[in-house]
């Protein structure tokens, strides 16, 4: 009984770590997919390839984004890091 309770508690904790429940990142001005998917498709890159984008947002902070190329050749935004303000 004690082992079953422990297993259920562990399963509940692990279920809370699922990334499927986390909200998708939304594109912001400067993102590759801001305003929709790009018109050109990455036809030579293998599916699952990472595409990196770096820009400065309206506040002058450096933004680094990572996209993954999907089977339909669209880009999925999977990571965004906002760094310190740009140097003056």
Foldseek 3Di string as FASTA:
>chain_A
DVVVVVVVVVVVVVVVVDPVPPDFDDDDVQDCQVVHWDPDFDPPDDFQDKDWGWDADPQQWIKIWIWGQHPVRTTGTDDIDTHDHDDD
